[in-house]
């Protein structure tokens, strides 16, 4: 019997790479999808391609969409500065300027269309609700709501082939995520997390994502393979 098909959203970061490793370990035949959406950290796409090749996915698509048209995010608008060296990230209550409007909804919608096209009943996304930057589309209630919508919106679901949205990292800390990936043999040196990399692609070491990555490796007791640089003023 062949493995069940699954669509995996793959950004090239720690979380999405770990999610792909989990899906593979659970016996899914994985089809990866990444997005070039005008993000300033587009270096993550080459990492996604390396992860996809290393994990031997059945297909990997990189979809071009232009979210710079809407702005309002430091990830897609170069006029907005990426926050650096924010202390006590878990204590911040306001959604940061790195939030990209409706990004996960857009990405999951593409994944849903892809899933229906190849008759896949499973979609994996690497969101987590603990070590994250306060994004509303990383919460369990959001994932549940999208799954409910997906099963009302597609021909496949209406005809009896319901889709399941898997968020296996949703209740894990970054340290727990990294430990999980290490146990599955994942090589984190090919992943990228930085929101504002240097021109040569080196991680800045100071943005929220870099801070969470550093914290995660330190708490996991795993050497961080990332090369961090410093942007000159």
Foldseek 3Di string as FASTA:
>chain_A
DAFAEEEQEFQQALQSLLQLLVCVVVRHQYAYEYEDAQFLLSVSVVLSVVSCVVSVHPYYYYYYHHLLVPDQAVRRDVVDDFDWQDPPQQPDADQDSNDRPCVVVVVVVVRLVVCVVVVHQEYEYRAADHLDRNHPCRAPVNQVVVQVVSLVPDPCNVVPRRHHYDHPRHHPQLLRSVVSCVVSVHDNLSGDFARNADPVSAHQCIGSRNVSNVVNCVVNVHDDNGDHDHDDD
